[in-house]
Protein backbone atom coordinates (compact mmCIF):
# COMPACT_ATOMS: atom_id res chain seq x y z
CA MET A 1 145.42 84.15 161.05
CA ARG A 2 146.71 85.60 164.40
CA TYR A 3 149.30 87.61 162.45
CA LEU A 4 146.61 88.93 160.13
CA ILE A 5 144.58 90.17 162.96
CA VAL A 6 147.57 91.95 164.70
CA ALA A 7 148.56 93.47 161.33
CA THR A 8 144.98 94.62 160.78
CA ILE A 9 144.84 96.24 164.23
CA ALA A 10 148.22 97.97 163.61
CA VAL A 11 146.89 99.42 160.31
CA LEU A 12 143.78 100.62 161.96
CA LEU A 13 145.57 102.22 164.81
CA GLY A 14 148.00 103.92 162.44
CA ALA A 15 145.08 105.44 160.56
CA ALA A 16 143.39 106.74 163.72
CA PRO A 17 141.99 110.33 163.53
CA ALA A 18 144.34 113.13 164.68
CA ALA A 19 142.19 113.68 167.81
CA ALA A 20 143.02 110.18 169.02
CA GLN A 21 146.78 110.97 168.68
CA CYS A 22 146.70 113.48 171.49
CA ARG A 23 147.78 111.96 174.70
CA GLY A 24 145.52 112.99 177.64
CA THR A 25 143.65 116.24 177.67
CA ASP A 26 144.28 119.27 175.39
CA ARG A 27 147.02 121.49 176.69
CA PRO A 28 145.26 124.73 178.02
CA ILE A 29 146.64 128.04 176.83
CA ALA A 30 145.44 131.14 178.75
CA MET A 31 144.40 133.89 176.28
CA GLN A 32 144.13 137.70 177.00
CA LEU A 33 140.97 139.39 175.92
CA MET A 34 140.10 143.14 176.13
CA LEU A 35 136.39 143.78 176.18
CA SER A 36 134.76 147.22 175.93
CA ALA A 37 131.79 148.04 178.21
CA ALA A 38 128.43 146.90 176.88
CA PRO A 39 127.01 147.39 174.37
CA SER A 40 130.11 146.27 172.37
CA THR A 41 131.21 143.73 169.79
CA THR A 42 134.72 142.07 169.97
CA LEU A 43 136.30 139.87 167.28
CA VAL A 44 139.22 137.64 168.04
CA ALA A 45 141.08 135.73 165.18
CA LYS A 46 143.69 133.27 166.35
CA PRO A 47 145.46 130.12 165.10
CA ILE A 48 145.11 127.06 167.28
CA ARG A 49 147.13 123.81 167.15
CA LEU A 50 146.07 120.28 167.53
CA CYS A 51 146.05 118.95 171.11
CA SER A 52 145.61 122.42 172.62
CA ARG A 53 142.81 124.64 173.69
CA HIS A 54 142.48 128.37 174.17
CA ASP A 55 140.94 129.56 177.54
CA TYR A 56 139.32 133.07 177.80
CA ARG A 57 138.18 134.35 181.18
CA LEU A 58 135.56 137.16 181.36
CA GLU A 59 134.04 138.99 184.37
CA LEU A 60 130.35 139.34 183.52
CA LYS A 61 127.30 140.46 185.50
CA ALA A 62 123.95 138.84 185.96
CA VAL A 63 121.16 140.05 183.68
CA GLN A 64 123.85 141.02 181.06
CA ARG A 65 123.17 139.47 177.67
CA ILE A 66 126.00 137.86 175.68
CA GLU A 67 126.29 136.31 172.26
CA LEU A 68 129.11 134.10 171.09
CA ARG A 69 129.79 132.87 167.55
CA LEU A 70 132.68 130.76 166.58
CA THR A 71 133.67 130.20 162.86
CA SER A 72 136.61 128.43 161.23
CA PRO A 73 137.77 128.25 157.64
CA SER A 74 138.17 124.59 158.09
CA LYS A 75 134.38 124.31 158.86
CA GLN A 76 134.98 122.61 162.18
CA LYS A 77 131.90 122.21 164.41
CA GLY A 78 131.51 122.22 168.16
CA MET A 79 134.70 123.91 169.25
CA LEU A 80 133.07 126.13 171.97
CA THR A 81 132.47 125.37 175.60
CA VAL A 82 131.33 127.89 178.24
CA PHE A 83 131.69 127.46 181.98
CA ALA A 84 129.62 129.71 184.39
CA PRO A 85 131.04 130.84 187.71
CA SER A 86 128.97 128.07 189.48
CA GLY A 87 130.77 125.44 187.31
CA GLU A 88 127.64 124.81 185.23
CA ARG A 89 128.43 124.30 181.51
CA PRO A 90 125.62 126.14 179.62
CA ALA A 91 127.30 125.50 176.23
CA HIS A 92 129.44 122.45 175.25
CA GLY A 93 130.42 121.47 171.72
CA ALA A 94 128.73 124.46 170.19
CA ASP A 95 129.45 126.99 167.43
CA GLU A 96 127.06 129.58 168.82
CA TRP A 97 125.68 130.47 172.26
CA SER A 98 123.60 133.32 173.63
CA ALA A 99 122.04 133.94 176.99
CA THR A 100 120.95 136.49 179.47
CA LEU A 101 123.35 135.62 182.30
CA GLU A 102 121.87 134.32 185.60
CA GLU A 103 124.89 134.87 187.76
CA SER A 104 127.76 137.46 188.17
CA GLY A 105 131.42 136.30 188.16
CA GLU A 106 134.07 134.79 186.01
CA TYR A 107 132.97 132.91 182.93
CA LYS A 108 135.44 130.76 181.08
CA ILE A 109 135.19 130.14 177.28
CA GLU A 110 137.20 127.23 176.03
CA ILE A 111 137.98 126.97 172.29
CA GLY A 112 139.10 123.41 171.29
CA THR A 113 140.06 121.71 168.07
CA ASP A 114 140.69 118.30 166.59
CA LYS A 115 143.10 119.70 163.94
CA THR A 116 145.36 122.70 163.47
CA THR A 117 143.21 125.65 162.18
CA THR A 118 142.38 129.22 162.67
CA TYR A 119 139.10 130.53 164.28
CA THR A 120 137.27 133.78 164.71
CA LEU A 121 135.33 134.35 167.90
CA ARG A 122 132.68 137.11 167.89
CA ILE A 123 131.61 138.29 171.35
CA VAL A 124 128.66 140.68 171.57
CA LEU A 125 127.72 142.19 175.01
CA HIS A 126 124.42 143.94 175.51
């Protein structure tokens, strides 16, 4: 009986989802982004590997309106997290986010994944 339990646990661990196979946090990769002055639309299409995340940093101003939309051919959901200059996280695990910004400064956009895929990030500034 004891061996059956150990064998069952080993099988279950071997069948763990890919996200559980990453040791620790995802490896951050700083990404460059060239934005035009508002109003503008920028599209970014990038491959992203399992156990990594892409970090974009944007200097934005209070009262500016921003729209983010993330799509993936693998239909992944919840890959987008936004950090405000204050450290607040107005979007976490989202595919879309829009807001009129309340503070000026550096915003960080993180794109994460639980499998290797390609994504398209659409950024609209008003």
